[in-house]
């Protein structure tokens, strides 16, 4: 997945967030940190939503491999499990 695809998927997520979720207090992570790097939670959402509206199962190792492209020293990605419980 390249930067253009990441931005496109994030834009779709933003649209759905504005239409369906913001009114329920669900927070959407920003796409970029202040230093210009991608926000980890945003990358997780993007990876999980990449084939929306079709759904696919994602194993933690697969998600960790994707995240290591942006954060090479990341150990074990837990964000996917915690997004719903902690962020909305």
PDB file of N, CA and C in Angstrom:
ATOM      1  N   UNK A   1       0.849  -1.166   0.000  1.00  0.00           N
ATOM      2  CA  UNK A   1       0.000   0.000   0.000  1.00  0.00           C
ATOM      3  C   UNK A   1       0.901   1.238   0.000  1.00  0.00           C
ATOM      4  N   UNK A   2       0.673   2.123  -0.951  1.00  0.00           N
ATOM      5  CA  UNK A   2       1.497   3.326  -1.042  1.00  0.00           C
ATOM      6  C   UNK A   2       0.801   4.518  -0.376  1.00  0.00           C
ATOM      7  N   UNK A   3       1.490   5.662  -0.339  1.00  0.00           N
ATOM      8  CA  UNK A   3       0.950   6.853   0.327  1.00  0.00           C
ATOM      9  C   UNK A   3      -0.374   7.303  -0.276  1.00  0.00           C
ATOM     10  N   UNK A   4      -0.492   7.230  -1.581  1.00  0.00           N
ATOM     11  CA  UNK A   4      -1.736   7.641  -2.243  1.00  0.00           C
ATOM     12  C   UNK A   4      -2.900   6.759  -1.796  1.00  0.00           C
ATOM     13  N   UNK A   5      -2.668   5.462  -1.732  1.00  0.00           N
ATOM     14  CA  UNK A   5      -3.714   4.533  -1.289  1.00  0.00           C
ATOM     15  C   UNK A   5      -4.074   4.767   0.178  1.00  0.00           C
ATOM     16  N   UNK A   6      -3.070   5.025   0.990  1.00  0.00           N
ATOM     17  CA  UNK A   6      -3.309   5.299   2.407  1.00  0.00           C
ATOM     18  C   UNK A   6      -4.189   6.533   2.564  1.00  0.00           C
ATOM     19  N   UNK A   7      -3.869   7.590   1.842  1.00  0.00           N
ATOM     20  CA  UNK A   7      -4.665   8.827   1.925  1.00  0.00           C
ATOM     21  C   UNK A   7      -6.091   8.607   1.415  1.00  0.00           C
ATOM     22  N   UNK A   8      -6.236   7.814   0.377  1.00  0.00           N
ATOM     23  CA  UNK A   8      -7.560   7.550  -0.185  1.00  0.00           C
ATOM     24  C   UNK A   8      -8.426   6.781   0.813  1.00  0.00           C
ATOM     25  N   UNK A   9      -7.869   5.747   1.403  1.00  0.00           N
ATOM     26  CA  UNK A   9      -8.622   4.954   2.378  1.00  0.00           C
ATOM     27  C   UNK A   9      -8.957   5.804   3.603  1.00  0.00           C
ATOM     28  N   UNK A  10      -8.018   6.626   4.050  1.00  0.00           N
ATOM     29  CA  UNK A  10      -8.282   7.496   5.199  1.00  0.00           C
ATOM     30  C   UNK A  10      -9.410   8.472   4.883  1.00  0.00           C
ATOM     31  N   UNK A  11      -9.449   8.973   3.671  1.00  0.00           N
ATOM     32  CA  UNK A  11     -10.517   9.882   3.257  1.00  0.00           C
ATOM     33  C   UNK A  11     -11.884   9.196   3.332  1.00  0.00           C
ATOM     34  N   UNK A  12     -11.942   7.950   2.923  1.00  0.00           N
ATOM     35  CA  UNK A  12     -13.191   7.180   3.016  1.00  0.00           C
ATOM     36  C   UNK A  12     -13.587   7.005   4.484  1.00  0.00           C
ATOM     37  N   UNK A  13     -12.620   6.679   5.320  1.00  0.00           N
ATOM     38  CA  UNK A  13     -12.883   6.527   6.752  1.00  0.00           C
ATOM     39  C   UNK A  13     -13.399   7.846   7.330  1.00  0.00           C
ATOM     40  N   UNK A  14     -12.774   8.953   6.940  1.00  0.00           N
ATOM     41  CA  UNK A  14     -13.218  10.278   7.402  1.00  0.00           C
ATOM     42  C   UNK A  14     -14.671  10.544   7.034  1.00  0.00           C
ATOM     43  N   UNK A  15     -15.027  10.227   5.798  1.00  0.00           N
ATOM     44  CA  UNK A  15     -16.402  10.446   5.338  1.00  0.00           C
ATOM     45  C   UNK A  15     -17.400   9.647   6.175  1.00  0.00           C
ATOM     46  N   UNK A  16     -17.119   8.381   6.401  1.00  0.00           N
ATOM     47  CA  UNK A  16     -18.009   7.550   7.212  1.00  0.00           C
ATOM     48  C   UNK A  16     -18.044   8.034   8.660  1.00  0.00           C
ATOM     49  N   UNK A  17     -16.907   8.465   9.156  1.00  0.00           N
ATOM     50  CA  UNK A  17     -16.847   8.986  10.518  1.00  0.00           C
ATOM     51  C   UNK A  17     -17.751  10.205  10.665  1.00  0.00           C
ATOM     52  N   UNK A  18     -17.645  11.133   9.727  1.00  0.00           N
ATOM     53  CA  UNK A  18     -18.471  12.349   9.782  1.00  0.00           C
ATOM     54  C   UNK A  18     -19.953  12.022   9.689  1.00  0.00           C
ATOM     55  N   UNK A  19     -20.301  11.075   8.831  1.00  0.00           N
ATOM     56  CA  UNK A  19     -21.706  10.761   8.593  1.00  0.00           C
ATOM     57  C   UNK A  19     -22.336   9.928   9.710  1.00  0.00           C
ATOM     58  N   UNK A  20     -21.591   8.989  10.261  1.00  0.00           N
ATOM     59  CA  UNK A  20     -22.204   8.029  11.173  1.00  0.00           C
ATOM     60  C   UNK A  20     -21.666   8.020  12.608  1.00  0.00           C
ATOM     61  N   UNK A  21     -20.439   8.410  12.821  1.00  0.00           N
ATOM     62  CA  UNK A  21     -19.820   8.146  14.119  1.00  0.00           C
ATOM     63  C   UNK A  21     -19.578   9.362  14.999  1.00  0.00           C
ATOM     64  N   UNK A  22     -19.307  10.508  14.395  1.00  0.00           N
ATOM     65  CA  UNK A  22     -18.963  11.689  15.191  1.00  0.00           C
ATOM     66  C   UNK A  22     -20.086  12.058  16.159  1.00  0.00           C
ATOM     67  N   UNK A  23     -21.328  11.868  15.733  1.00  0.00           N
ATOM     68  CA  UNK A  23     -22.479  12.208  16.587  1.00  0.00           C
ATOM     69  C   UNK A  23     -22.576  11.302  17.814  1.00  0.00           C
ATOM     70  N   UNK A  24     -21.866  10.193  17.792  1.00  0.00           N
ATOM     71  CA  UNK A  24     -21.846   9.271  18.931  1.00  0.00           C
ATOM     72  C   UNK A  24     -20.582   9.438  19.778  1.00  0.00           C
ATOM     73  N   UNK A  25     -19.799  10.463  19.467  1.00  0.00           N
ATOM     74  CA  UNK A  25     -18.598  10.744  20.243  1.00  0.00           C
ATOM     75  C   UNK A  25     -17.394   9.904  19.891  1.00  0.00           C
ATOM     76  N   UNK A  26     -17.454   9.188  18.779  1.00  0.00           N
ATOM     77  CA  UNK A  26     -16.318   8.367  18.357  1.00  0.00           C
ATOM     78  C   UNK A  26     -15.244   9.283  17.779  1.00  0.00           C
ATOM     79  N   UNK A  27     -14.036   9.145  18.282  1.00  0.00           N
ATOM     80  CA  UNK A  27     -12.927   9.982  17.824  1.00  0.00           C
ATOM     81  C   UNK A  27     -12.171   9.289  16.701  1.00  0.00           C
ATOM     82  N   UNK A  28     -11.805  10.071  15.713  1.00  0.00           N
ATOM     83  CA  UNK A  28     -11.005   9.573  14.598  1.00  0.00           C
ATOM     84  C   UNK A  28      -9.568  10.030  14.799  1.00  0.00           C
ATOM     85  N   UNK A  29      -8.617   9.112  14.781  1.00  0.00           N
ATOM     86  CA  UNK A  29      -7.227   9.550  14.930  1.00  0.00           C
ATOM     87  C   UNK A  29      -6.789  10.365  13.722  1.00  0.00           C
ATOM     88  N   UNK A  30      -5.928  11.322  13.963  1.00  0.00           N
ATOM     89  CA  UNK A  30      -5.356  12.088  12.857  1.00  0.00           C
ATOM     90  C   UNK A  30      -4.500  11.155  12.020  1.00  0.00           C
ATOM     91  N   UNK A  31      -4.285  11.533  10.775  1.00  0.00           N
ATOM     92  CA  UNK A  31      -3.476  10.702   9.889  1.00  0.00           C
ATOM     93  C   UNK A  31      -1.987  10.882  10.160  1.00  0.00           C
ATOM     94  N   UNK A  32      -1.595  12.119  10.505  1.00  0.00           N
ATOM     95  CA  UNK A  32      -0.171  12.417  10.685  1.00  0.00           C
ATOM     96  C   UNK A  32       0.126  12.962  12.076  1.00  0.00           C
ATOM     97  N   UNK A  33       1.290  12.608  12.591  1.00  0.00           N
ATOM     98  CA  UNK A  33       1.835  13.227  13.796  1.00  0.00           C
ATOM     99  C   UNK A  33       2.404  14.588  13.425  1.00  0.00           C
ATOM    100  N   UNK A  34       2.781  15.359  14.414  1.00  0.00           N
ATOM    101  CA  UNK A  34       3.362  16.682  14.166  1.00  0.00           C
ATOM    102  C   UNK A  34       4.650  16.605  13.358  1.00  0.00           C
ATOM    103  N   UNK A  35       5.374  15.503  13.479  1.00  0.00           N
ATOM    104  CA  UNK A  35       6.631  15.358  12.740  1.00  0.00           C
ATOM    105  C   UNK A  35       6.431  14.837  11.315  1.00  0.00           C
ATOM    106  N   UNK A  36       5.167  14.640  10.913  1.00  0.00           N
ATOM    107  CA  UNK A  36       4.877  14.193   9.553  1.00  0.00           C
ATOM    108  C   UNK A  36       4.790  12.688   9.384  1.00  0.00           C
ATOM    109  N   UNK A  37       5.055  11.945  10.444  1.00  0.00           N
ATOM    110  CA  UNK A  37       4.935  10.485  10.363  1.00  0.00           C
ATOM    111  C   UNK A  37       3.470  10.090  10.555  1.00  0.00           C
ATOM    112  N   UNK A  38       3.136   8.905  10.094  1.00  0.00           N
ATOM    113  CA  UNK A  38       1.767   8.421  10.249  1.00  0.00           C
ATOM    114  C   UNK A  38       1.470   8.090  11.711  1.00  0.00           C
ATOM    115  N   UNK A  39       0.244   8.357  12.123  1.00  0.00           N
ATOM    116  CA  UNK A  39      -0.226   7.977  13.454  1.00  0.00           C
ATOM    117  C   UNK A  39      -0.518   6.472  13.432  1.00  0.00           C
ATOM    118  N   UNK A  40      -0.026   5.761  14.413  1.00  0.00           N
ATOM    119  CA  UNK A  40      -0.177   4.302  14.440  1.00  0.00           C
ATOM    120  C   UNK A  40      -1.636   3.865  14.403  1.00  0.00           C
ATOM    121  N   UNK A  41      -2.489   4.491  15.210  1.00  0.00           N
ATOM    122  CA  UNK A  41      -3.905   4.108  15.221  1.00  0.00           C
ATOM    123  C   UNK A  41      -4.552   4.320  13.856  1.00  0.00           C
ATOM    124  N   UNK A  42      -4.161   5.381  13.168  1.00  0.00           N
ATOM    125  CA  UNK A  42      -4.711   5.641  11.832  1.00  0.00           C
ATOM    126  C   UNK A  42      -4.272   4.554  10.859  1.00  0.00           C
ATOM    127  N   UNK A  43      -3.018   4.152  10.930  1.00  0.00           N
ATOM    128  CA  UNK A  43      -2.534   3.086  10.048  1.00  0.00           C
ATOM    129  C   UNK A  43      -3.271   1.777  10.294  1.00  0.00           C
ATOM    130  N   UNK A  44      -3.546   1.478  11.545  1.00  0.00           N
ATOM    131  CA  UNK A  44      -4.289   0.255  11.863  1.00  0.00           C
ATOM    132  C   UNK A  44      -5.682   0.317  11.251  1.00  0.00           C
ATOM    133  N   UNK A  45      -6.380   1.433  11.437  1.00  0.00           N
ATOM    134  CA  UNK A  45      -7.713   1.586  10.846  1.00  0.00           C
ATOM    135  C   UNK A  45      -7.669   1.449   9.332  1.00  0.00           C
ATOM    136  N   UNK A  46      -6.693   2.073   8.725  1.00  0.00           N
ATOM    137  CA  UNK A  46      -6.554   2.023   7.267  1.00  0.00           C
ATOM    138  C   UNK A  46      -6.342   0.590   6.800  1.00  0.00           C
ATOM    139  N   UNK A  47      -5.486  -0.134   7.487  1.00  0.00           N
ATOM    140  CA  UNK A  47      -5.228  -1.519   7.092  1.00  0.00           C
ATOM    141  C   UNK A  47      -6.481  -2.373   7.239  1.00  0.00           C
ATOM    142  N   UNK A  48      -7.209  -2.183   8.320  1.00  0.00           N
ATOM    143  CA  UNK A  48      -8.425  -2.964   8.544  1.00  0.00           C
ATOM    144  C   UNK A  48      -9.531  -2.605   7.558  1.00  0.00           C
ATOM    145  N   UNK A  49      -9.543  -1.359   7.088  1.00  0.00           N
ATOM    146  CA  UNK A  49     -10.618  -0.883   6.204  1.00  0.00           C
ATOM    147  C   UNK A  49     -10.248  -0.925   4.730  1.00  0.00           C
ATOM    148  N   UNK A  50      -9.121  -1.479   4.384  1.00  0.00           N
ATOM    149  CA  UNK A  50      -8.609  -1.360   3.014  1.00  0.00           C
ATOM    150  C   UNK A  50      -9.508  -1.967   1.947  1.00  0.00           C
ATOM    151  N   UNK A  51     -10.349  -2.935   2.278  1.00  0.00           N
ATOM    152  CA  UNK A  51     -11.232  -3.546   1.280  1.00  0.00           C
ATOM    153  C   UNK A  51     -12.700  -3.200   1.511  1.00  0.00           C
ATOM    154  N   UNK A  52     -12.965  -2.223   2.376  1.00  0.00           N
ATOM    155  CA  UNK A  52     -14.339  -1.867   2.713  1.00  0.00           C
ATOM    156  C   UNK A  52     -15.118  -1.526   1.455  1.00  0.00           C
ATOM    157  N   UNK A  53     -16.344  -1.985   1.295  1.00  0.00           N
ATOM    158  CA  UNK A  53     -17.233  -2.579   2.291  1.00  0.00           C
ATOM    159  C   UNK A  53     -17.057  -4.088   2.477  1.00  0.00           C
ATOM    160  N   UNK A  54     -16.205  -4.711   1.718  1.00  0.00           N
ATOM    161  CA  UNK A  54     -15.917  -6.128   1.957  1.00  0.00           C
ATOM    162  C   UNK A  54     -15.059  -6.245   3.208  1.00  0.00           C
ATOM    163  N   UNK A  55     -15.247  -7.293   3.938  1.00  0.00           N
ATOM    164  CA  UNK A  55     -14.464  -7.492   5.150  1.00  0.00           C
ATOM    165  C   UNK A  55     -13.550  -8.696   4.984  1.00  0.00           C
ATOM    166  N   UNK A  56     -12.409  -8.620   5.612  1.00  0.00           N
ATOM    167  CA  UNK A  56     -11.448  -9.720   5.592  1.00  0.00           C
ATOM    168  C   UNK A  56     -10.904  -9.910   7.006  1.00  0.00           C
ATOM    169  N   UNK A  57     -10.533 -11.128   7.307  1.00  0.00           N
ATOM    170  CA  UNK A  57      -9.883 -11.403   8.587  1.00  0.00           C
ATOM    171  C   UNK A  57      -8.431 -10.969   8.495  1.00  0.00           C
ATOM    172  N   UNK A  58      -7.928 -10.441   9.582  1.00  0.00           N
ATOM    173  CA  UNK A  58      -6.538 -10.009   9.634  1.00  0.00           C
ATOM    174  C   UNK A  58      -5.904 -10.627  10.872  1.00  0.00           C
ATOM    175  N   UNK A  59      -4.804 -11.320  10.667  1.00  0.00           N
ATOM    176  CA  UNK A  59      -4.078 -11.871  11.811  1.00  0.00           C
ATOM    177  C   UNK A  59      -3.066 -10.840  12.292  1.00  0.00           C
ATOM    178  N   UNK A  60      -2.743 -10.931  13.560  1.00  0.00           N
ATOM    179  CA  UNK A  60      -1.867  -9.938  14.175  1.00  0.00           C
ATOM    180  C   UNK A  60      -0.504  -9.865  13.487  1.00  0.00           C
ATOM    181  N   UNK A  61       0.040 -11.002  13.062  1.00  0.00           N
ATOM    182  CA  UNK A  61       1.345 -11.006  12.385  1.00  0.00           C
ATOM    183  C   UNK A  61       1.299 -10.224  11.078  1.00  0.00           C
ATOM    184  N   UNK A  62       0.199 -10.337  10.364  1.00  0.00           N
ATOM    185  CA  UNK A  62       0.028  -9.611   9.101  1.00  0.00           C
ATOM    186  C   UNK A  62      -0.017  -8.105   9.362  1.00  0.00           C
ATOM    187  N   UNK A  63      -0.779  -7.704  10.362  1.00  0.00           N
ATOM    188  CA  UNK A  63      -0.880  -6.291  10.719  1.00  0.00           C
ATOM    189  C   UNK A  63       0.461  -5.760  11.212  1.00  0.00           C
ATOM    190  N   UNK A  64       1.159  -6.557  12.000  1.00  0.00           N
ATOM    191  CA  UNK A  64       2.478  -6.153  12.492  1.00  0.00           C
ATOM    192  C   UNK A  64       3.447  -5.961  11.329  1.00  0.00           C
ATOM    193  N   UNK A  65       3.399  -6.838  10.339  1.00  0.00           N
ATOM    194  CA  UNK A  65       4.253  -6.698   9.159  1.00  0.00           C
ATOM    195  C   UNK A  65       3.985  -5.403   8.414  1.00  0.00           C
ATOM    196  N   UNK A  66       2.713  -5.058   8.273  1.00  0.00           N
ATOM    197  CA  UNK A  66       2.351  -3.794   7.628  1.00  0.00           C
ATOM    198  C   UNK A  66       2.879  -2.610   8.434  1.00  0.00           C
ATOM    199  N   UNK A  67       2.696  -2.635   9.734  1.00  0.00           N
ATOM    200  CA  UNK A  67       3.121  -1.523  10.585  1.00  0.00           C
ATOM    201  C   UNK A  67       4.638  -1.355  10.585  1.00  0.00           C
ATOM    202  N   UNK A  68       5.372  -2.435  10.430  1.00  0.00           N
ATOM    203  CA  UNK A  68       6.838  -2.353  10.431  1.00  0.00           C
ATOM    204  C   UNK A  68       7.380  -1.608   9.216  1.00  0.00           C
ATOM    205  N   UNK A  69       6.568  -1.472   8.188  1.00  0.00           N
ATOM    206  CA  UNK A  69       6.997  -0.662   7.041  1.00  0.00           C
ATOM    207  C   UNK A  69       7.150   0.799   7.447  1.00  0.00           C
ATOM    208  N   UNK A  70       6.407   1.220   8.450  1.00  0.00           N
ATOM    209  CA  UNK A  70       6.417   2.610   8.899  1.00  0.00           C
ATOM    210  C   UNK A  70       7.119   2.776  10.242  1.00  0.00           C
ATOM    211  N   UNK A  71       7.056   1.752  11.057  1.00  0.00           N
ATOM    212  CA  UNK A  71       7.686   1.742  12.378  1.00  0.00           C
ATOM    213  C   UNK A  71       8.480   0.441  12.508  1.00  0.00           C
ATOM    214  N   UNK A  72       9.698   0.408  11.954  1.00  0.00           N
ATOM    215  CA  UNK A  72      10.479  -0.838  11.891  1.00  0.00           C
ATOM    216  C   UNK A  72      10.747  -1.499  13.244  1.00  0.00           C
ATOM    217  N   UNK A  73      10.800  -0.734  14.303  1.00  0.00           N
ATOM    218  CA  UNK A  73      11.127  -1.298  15.616  1.00  0.00           C
ATOM    219  C   UNK A  73       9.903  -1.703  16.430  1.00  0.00           C
ATOM    220  N   UNK A  74       8.725  -1.629  15.833  1.00  0.00           N
ATOM    221  CA  UNK A  74       7.505  -1.999  16.566  1.00  0.00           C
ATOM    222  C   UNK A  74       7.536  -3.494  16.859  1.00  0.00           C
ATOM    223  N   UNK A  75       7.179  -3.858  18.076  1.00  0.00           N
ATOM    224  CA  UNK A  75       7.228  -5.265  18.465  1.00  0.00           C
ATOM    225  C   UNK A  75       5.960  -6.000  18.080  1.00  0.00           C
ATOM    226  N   UNK A  76       4.909  -5.725  18.788  1.00  0.00           N
ATOM    227  CA  UNK A  76       3.675  -6.478  18.643  1.00  0.00           C
ATOM    228  C   UNK A  76       2.528  -5.481  18.596  1.00  0.00           C
ATOM    229  N   UNK A  77       1.804  -5.447  17.521  1.00  0.00           N
ATOM    230  CA  UNK A  77       0.748  -4.456  17.338  1.00  0.00           C
ATOM    231  C   UNK A  77      -0.480  -4.862  18.149  1.00  0.00           C
ATOM    232  N   UNK A  78      -0.854  -4.019  19.083  1.00  0.00           N
ATOM    233  CA  UNK A  78      -2.038  -4.253  19.915  1.00  0.00           C
ATOM    234  C   UNK A  78      -3.153  -3.259  19.601  1.00  0.00           C
ATOM    235  N   UNK A  79      -2.881  -2.245  18.767  1.00  0.00           N
ATOM    236  CA  UNK A  79      -3.849  -1.182  18.513  1.00  0.00           C
ATOM    237  C   UNK A  79      -5.194  -1.692  18.025  1.00  0.00           C
ATOM    238  N   UNK A  80      -5.205  -2.707  17.194  1.00  0.00           N
ATOM    239  CA  UNK A  80      -6.466  -3.190  16.626  1.00  0.00           C
ATOM    240  C   UNK A  80      -7.408  -3.676  17.720  1.00  0.00           C
ATOM    241  N   UNK A  81      -6.880  -4.296  18.731  1.00  0.00           N
ATOM    242  CA  UNK A  81      -7.712  -4.791  19.838  1.00  0.00           C
ATOM    243  C   UNK A  81      -8.242  -3.665  20.696  1.00  0.00           C
ATOM    244  N   UNK A  82      -7.501  -2.576  20.782  1.00  0.00           N
ATOM    245  CA  UNK A  82      -7.838  -1.518  21.723  1.00  0.00           C
ATOM    246  C   UNK A  82      -8.591  -0.339  21.111  1.00  0.00           C
ATOM    247  N   UNK A  83      -8.646  -0.236  19.805  1.00  0.00           N
ATOM    248  CA  UNK A  83      -9.282   0.927  19.186  1.00  0.00           C
ATOM    249  C   UNK A  83     -10.725   1.103  19.632  1.00  0.00           C
ATOM    250  N   UNK A  84     -11.520   0.070  19.532  1.00  0.00           N
ATOM    251  CA  UNK A  84     -12.931   0.180  19.882  1.00  0.00           C
ATOM    252  C   UNK A  84     -13.155   0.444  21.360  1.00  0.00           C
ATOM    253  N   UNK A  85     -12.424  -0.226  22.201  1.00  0.00           N
ATOM    254  CA  UNK A  85     -12.627  -0.100  23.640  1.00  0.00           C
ATOM    255  C   UNK A  85     -12.140   1.232  24.189  1.00  0.00           C
ATOM    256  N   UNK A  86     -11.039   1.740  23.675  1.00  0.00           N
ATOM    257  CA  UNK A  86     -10.440   2.935  24.250  1.00  0.00           C
ATOM    258  C   UNK A  86     -10.746   4.209  23.479  1.00  0.00           C
ATOM    259  N   UNK A  87     -11.045   4.094  22.202  1.00  0.00           N
ATOM    260  CA  UNK A  87     -11.185   5.291  21.377  1.00  0.00           C
ATOM    261  C   UNK A  87     -12.607   5.543  20.910  1.00  0.00           C
ATOM    262  N   UNK A  88     -13.553   4.777  21.320  1.00  0.00           N
ATOM    263  CA  UNK A  88     -14.918   5.072  20.920  1.00  0.00           C
ATOM    264  C   UNK A  88     -15.687   3.853  20.669  1.00  0.00           C
TER     265      UNK A  88
END
